Amino acid sequence: MSDKKCALITGSGRNIGRAMALELATRGYGIVLNGSTDRQACQNVADEIAAAGGESVIAMGDIGEREHAQAIAQTGIDHFGCIDVLINNAAVRPNIDFLASDEAQWDRIYNINFKSSYWLARACLPGMIDKGWGRIIQFTGMNAQQGYEGKSAVSVSKHACWGLTKSLAKEYGRKGITTNIISPGTIIGETENPKHVDHMQSLLQDNPSGRLGKPQDIASAVALLVSEEGGFINGQLLQVNGGVVT
């Protein structure tokens, strides 16, 4: 069992999740890596962390299933003693027509995008309370904030995350635990489908910063929120989008 601070990051095998894992590992955090199916992607990140002198453990599982979410958290607790930072990054964003979709589809999206945050927070908060220190970071999105065609279930689930963020910030702030939510802009990952990249490049003209985002842009924002210097940032929605939504 390690005595270093630990960060659990769901969906940490690629893109934003990978960037956050590597960033926090360089800052001395033990990392709990998670993916639902691609263990090799998580292993690749674990190898990168080890090569830089860091420590990680892989906890595979489907966060949209309560028992899996609880087991993922427990893996981190067993290995590191406590989860100090919980980053609920993994999500699904399917395009489904409201009337054509069924309740099972909505439940699946809601479980992955929101209920996983609920399950994992309940698993990690007791240890944070015992230490008198903790960080919880959620994710929403620009379109989820505004509502958009074909993704009503995604918008609803992400609004629920925003509601949970505000409530946890108020309830546990006095215990040294901050809870915030990040809304990323258009981020080009390292494993994007080329057609997806072409679509995102078409959005470049709308960005006041003159560029699209990189996973490291989100990782840098996370580094601030988990730091001691970021300890007075609580219950906030942080827009990291280059100025598209202000």
Protein backbone atom coordinates (compact mmCIF):
# COMPACT_ATOMS: atom_id res chain seq x y z
CA MET A 1 0.00 0.00 0.00
CA SER A 2 1.37 3.42 -1.01
CA ASP A 3 1.20 6.53 1.17
CA LYS A 4 1.15 9.01 -1.73
CA LYS A 5 -1.93 10.90 -2.81
CA CYS A 6 -4.01 9.05 -5.35
CA ALA A 7 -6.17 10.16 -8.27
CA LEU A 8 -8.83 7.94 -9.84
CA ILE A 9 -9.51 8.95 -13.44
CA THR A 10 -12.24 7.16 -15.34
CA GLY A 11 -11.69 6.70 -19.06
CA SER A 12 -7.95 7.27 -18.73
CA GLY A 13 -6.58 5.16 -21.58
CA ARG A 14 -6.72 7.85 -24.23
CA ASN A 15 -7.02 11.53 -25.06
CA ILE A 16 -8.11 13.79 -22.17
CA GLY A 17 -8.05 10.95 -19.64
CA ARG A 18 -4.52 9.96 -20.61
CA ALA A 19 -3.32 13.57 -20.50
CA MET A 20 -4.75 14.06 -17.01
CA ALA A 21 -3.19 10.81 -15.79
CA LEU A 22 0.26 11.75 -17.06
CA GLU A 23 -0.01 15.31 -15.73
CA LEU A 24 -0.97 14.25 -12.22
CA ALA A 25 1.58 11.45 -12.20
CA THR A 26 4.33 14.02 -12.86
CA ARG A 27 3.02 15.90 -9.83
CA GLY A 28 3.52 12.87 -7.59
CA TYR A 29 0.05 11.36 -7.59
CA GLY A 30 -0.51 7.65 -7.72
CA ILE A 31 -2.97 7.02 -10.54
CA VAL A 32 -5.87 4.60 -10.79
CA LEU A 33 -6.30 4.03 -14.52
CA ASN A 34 -9.67 2.89 -15.82
CA GLY A 35 -11.18 1.71 -19.05
CA SER A 36 -14.19 -0.40 -19.90
CA THR A 37 -12.74 -2.77 -22.52
CA ASP A 38 -9.33 -1.74 -23.88
CA ARG A 39 -6.90 -2.82 -21.17
CA GLN A 40 -3.94 -2.37 -23.51
CA ALA A 41 -4.65 1.36 -23.81
CA CYS A 42 -4.55 1.66 -20.02
CA GLN A 43 -1.42 -0.48 -19.89
CA ASN A 44 0.28 1.85 -22.36
CA VAL A 45 -0.44 4.79 -20.05
CA ALA A 46 0.74 2.77 -17.05
CA ASP A 47 4.00 2.09 -18.88
CA GLU A 48 4.44 5.81 -19.60
CA ILE A 49 3.86 6.62 -15.94
CA ALA A 50 6.33 3.95 -14.81
CA ALA A 51 8.96 5.16 -17.29
CA ALA A 52 8.72 8.61 -15.70
CA GLY A 53 9.13 7.16 -12.20
CA GLY A 54 5.45 7.24 -11.23
CA GLU A 55 3.07 4.64 -9.84
CA SER A 56 -0.28 3.46 -11.13
CA VAL A 57 -2.74 0.60 -10.92
CA ILE A 58 -5.24 -0.47 -13.57
CA ALA A 59 -8.89 -0.97 -12.57
CA MET A 60 -10.86 -2.10 -15.58
CA GLY A 61 -14.64 -2.04 -15.43
CA ASP A 62 -17.86 -0.59 -16.78
CA ILE A 63 -18.62 2.51 -14.73
CA GLY A 64 -22.21 2.32 -15.91
CA GLU A 65 -22.68 -0.69 -13.61
CA ARG A 66 -22.83 0.04 -9.88
CA GLU A 67 -20.86 -3.05 -8.83
CA HIS A 68 -18.12 -2.28 -11.34
CA ALA A 69 -17.87 1.34 -10.21
CA GLN A 70 -17.58 0.28 -6.59
CA ALA A 71 -14.92 -2.32 -7.45
CA ILE A 72 -12.90 0.26 -9.43
CA ALA A 73 -12.84 2.60 -6.45
CA GLN A 74 -11.97 -0.23 -4.08
CA THR A 75 -9.00 -1.23 -6.24
CA GLY A 76 -7.56 2.25 -5.78
CA ILE A 77 -8.31 2.31 -2.07
CA ASP A 78 -6.70 -1.10 -1.55
CA HIS A 79 -3.58 -0.10 -3.48
CA PHE A 80 -3.05 3.47 -2.31
CA GLY A 81 -5.01 3.58 0.95
CA CYS A 82 -7.35 6.35 -0.13
CA ILE A 83 -8.57 8.10 -3.26
CA ASP A 84 -7.80 11.78 -2.78
CA VAL A 85 -8.84 12.99 -6.23
CA LEU A 86 -11.82 11.64 -8.16
CA ILE A 87 -12.07 12.66 -11.81
CA ASN A 88 -15.26 11.51 -13.51
CA ASN A 89 -14.10 11.77 -17.09
CA ALA A 90 -15.60 8.80 -18.95
CA ALA A 91 -18.85 9.43 -20.81
CA VAL A 92 -20.89 8.43 -23.84
CA ARG A 93 -22.49 10.85 -26.29
CA PRO A 94 -24.67 8.87 -28.72
CA ASN A 95 -26.86 10.65 -31.21
CA ILE A 96 -30.40 9.32 -30.72
CA ASP A 97 -33.73 10.84 -31.67
CA PHE A 98 -35.85 11.67 -28.63
CA LEU A 99 -39.01 9.88 -29.78
CA ALA A 100 -37.17 6.98 -31.39
CA SER A 101 -35.10 6.25 -28.28
CA ASP A 102 -36.32 3.95 -25.57
CA GLU A 103 -36.02 4.06 -21.79
CA ALA A 104 -33.26 1.45 -21.72
CA GLN A 105 -31.07 3.66 -23.92
CA TRP A 106 -31.70 6.63 -21.65
CA ASP A 107 -30.91 4.57 -18.55
CA ARG A 108 -27.62 3.40 -20.04
CA ILE A 109 -26.53 6.94 -20.94
CA TYR A 110 -27.64 8.26 -17.55
CA ASN A 111 -25.83 5.49 -15.68
CA ILE A 112 -22.52 6.08 -17.46
CA ASN A 113 -22.62 9.87 -17.55
CA PHE A 114 -24.19 10.58 -14.16
CA LYS A 115 -24.90 7.64 -11.88
CA SER A 116 -21.23 6.59 -12.09
CA SER A 117 -20.34 9.97 -10.53
CA TYR A 118 -22.81 9.29 -7.73
CA TRP A 119 -21.50 5.77 -7.11
CA LEU A 120 -17.85 6.77 -7.21
CA ALA A 121 -18.33 9.85 -5.02
CA ARG A 122 -20.03 7.71 -2.38
CA ALA A 123 -17.10 5.29 -2.49
CA CYS A 124 -14.36 7.94 -2.34
CA LEU A 125 -15.79 10.63 -0.06
CA PRO A 126 -15.37 8.77 3.27
CA GLY A 127 -11.61 8.61 2.82
CA MET A 128 -11.45 12.26 1.80
CA ILE A 129 -13.46 13.22 4.87
CA ASP A 130 -11.13 11.22 7.12
CA LYS A 131 -8.14 13.08 5.66
CA GLY A 132 -9.83 16.47 5.64
CA TRP A 133 -8.79 16.95 2.02
CA GLY A 134 -10.13 15.93 -1.35
CA ARG A 135 -10.94 16.98 -4.90
CA ILE A 136 -13.82 15.87 -7.12
CA ILE A 137 -13.86 16.95 -10.76
CA GLN A 138 -16.77 16.34 -13.10
CA PHE A 139 -17.20 16.99 -16.82
CA THR A 140 -19.96 18.55 -18.86
CA GLY A 141 -19.77 20.08 -22.35
CA MET A 142 -20.63 23.21 -24.29
CA ASN A 143 -23.47 21.58 -26.18
CA ALA A 144 -24.72 19.75 -23.11
CA GLN A 145 -25.07 23.11 -21.36
CA GLN A 146 -27.03 24.63 -24.20
CA GLY A 147 -29.01 21.59 -25.31
CA TYR A 148 -28.65 20.18 -28.77
CA GLU A 149 -30.53 18.13 -31.31
CA GLY A 150 -30.31 14.37 -31.05
CA LYS A 151 -28.57 14.26 -27.69
CA SER A 152 -31.25 15.06 -25.15
CA ALA A 153 -30.23 12.17 -22.91
CA VAL A 154 -26.62 13.40 -22.91
CA SER A 155 -27.68 16.94 -22.01
CA VAL A 156 -29.89 15.73 -19.18
CA SER A 157 -27.17 13.50 -17.74
CA LYS A 158 -24.57 16.26 -17.90
CA HIS A 159 -26.91 18.77 -16.28
CA ALA A 160 -27.32 16.24 -13.47
CA CYS A 161 -23.54 16.23 -13.04
CA TRP A 162 -23.59 20.02 -12.73
CA GLY A 163 -26.30 19.78 -10.08
CA LEU A 164 -24.33 17.18 -8.13
CA THR A 165 -21.21 19.34 -8.38
CA LYS A 166 -22.91 22.33 -6.78
CA SER A 167 -24.49 20.25 -4.04
CA LEU A 168 -21.31 18.40 -3.08
CA ALA A 169 -19.38 21.68 -3.07
CA LYS A 170 -21.80 23.12 -0.53
CA GLU A 171 -22.05 19.97 1.57
CA TYR A 172 -18.36 19.06 1.86
CA GLY A 173 -16.46 22.30 1.28
CA ARG A 174 -15.96 22.82 5.02
CA LYS A 175 -14.34 19.41 5.20
CA GLY A 176 -11.53 20.46 2.87
CA ILE A 177 -13.11 18.88 -0.22
CA THR A 178 -13.72 20.88 -3.38
CA THR A 179 -16.00 19.82 -6.23
CA ASN A 180 -15.89 21.48 -9.63
CA ILE A 181 -16.98 20.74 -13.18
CA ILE A 182 -15.11 21.39 -16.43
CA SER A 183 -16.74 22.13 -19.77
CA PRO A 184 -14.20 21.39 -22.53
CA GLY A 185 -14.35 23.02 -25.91
CA THR A 186 -13.51 21.21 -29.13
CA ILE A 187 -10.55 18.98 -28.24
CA ILE A 188 -8.48 17.13 -30.83
CA GLY A 189 -7.35 13.84 -29.31
CA GLU A 190 -4.45 11.69 -30.43
CA THR A 191 -6.73 8.84 -31.50
CA GLU A 192 -9.49 10.67 -33.34
CA ASN A 193 -11.26 9.27 -36.38
CA PRO A 194 -9.98 11.29 -39.39
CA LYS A 195 -13.55 12.18 -40.43
CA HIS A 196 -14.19 13.47 -36.91
CA VAL A 197 -11.04 15.59 -37.11
CA ASP A 198 -12.21 17.10 -40.41
CA HIS A 199 -15.52 18.06 -38.78
CA MET A 200 -13.80 19.61 -35.77
CA GLN A 201 -11.41 21.55 -38.00
CA SER A 202 -14.48 23.08 -39.65
CA LEU A 203 -15.30 24.61 -36.25
CA LEU A 204 -11.95 26.40 -36.06
CA GLN A 205 -13.30 29.60 -37.63
CA ASP A 206 -15.70 30.00 -34.70
CA ASN A 207 -13.01 29.90 -32.03
CA PRO A 208 -11.73 33.31 -30.83
CA SER A 209 -8.43 31.74 -29.75
CA GLY A 210 -7.62 30.79 -33.32
CA ARG A 211 -7.03 27.12 -32.52
CA LEU A 212 -8.74 23.99 -31.30
CA GLY A 213 -8.07 22.47 -27.91
CA LYS A 214 -5.58 19.78 -26.95
CA PRO A 215 -5.94 17.20 -24.17
CA GLN A 216 -3.16 19.00 -22.29
CA ASP A 217 -5.32 22.13 -22.09
CA ILE A 218 -7.78 20.18 -19.95
CA ALA A 219 -5.02 18.46 -17.98
CA SER A 220 -3.53 21.84 -17.07
CA ALA A 221 -6.89 23.08 -15.81
CA VAL A 222 -7.25 19.92 -13.72
CA ALA A 223 -3.77 20.44 -12.29
CA LEU A 224 -4.89 23.83 -10.97
CA LEU A 225 -8.12 22.49 -9.48
CA VAL A 226 -6.38 19.67 -7.59
CA SER A 227 -3.56 21.88 -6.30
CA GLU A 228 -3.38 23.62 -2.95
CA GLU A 229 -3.44 26.91 -4.87
CA GLY A 230 -6.79 25.87 -6.35
CA GLY A 231 -8.32 25.12 -2.98
CA PHE A 232 -10.59 28.19 -2.99
CA ILE A 233 -12.18 27.21 -6.30
CA ASN A 234 -15.27 25.27 -5.31
CA GLY A 235 -18.64 24.59 -6.92
CA GLN A 236 -17.60 26.20 -10.19
CA LEU A 237 -18.13 25.40 -13.86
CA LEU A 238 -14.81 26.05 -15.59
CA GLN A 239 -15.06 26.73 -19.32
CA VAL A 240 -11.95 25.57 -21.19
CA ASN A 241 -12.96 26.29 -24.77
CA GLY A 242 -10.87 29.16 -26.17
CA GLY A 243 -13.73 31.63 -25.79
CA VAL A 244 -16.44 29.95 -27.89
CA VAL A 245 -18.84 29.97 -24.94
CA THR A 246 -18.37 32.78 -22.43
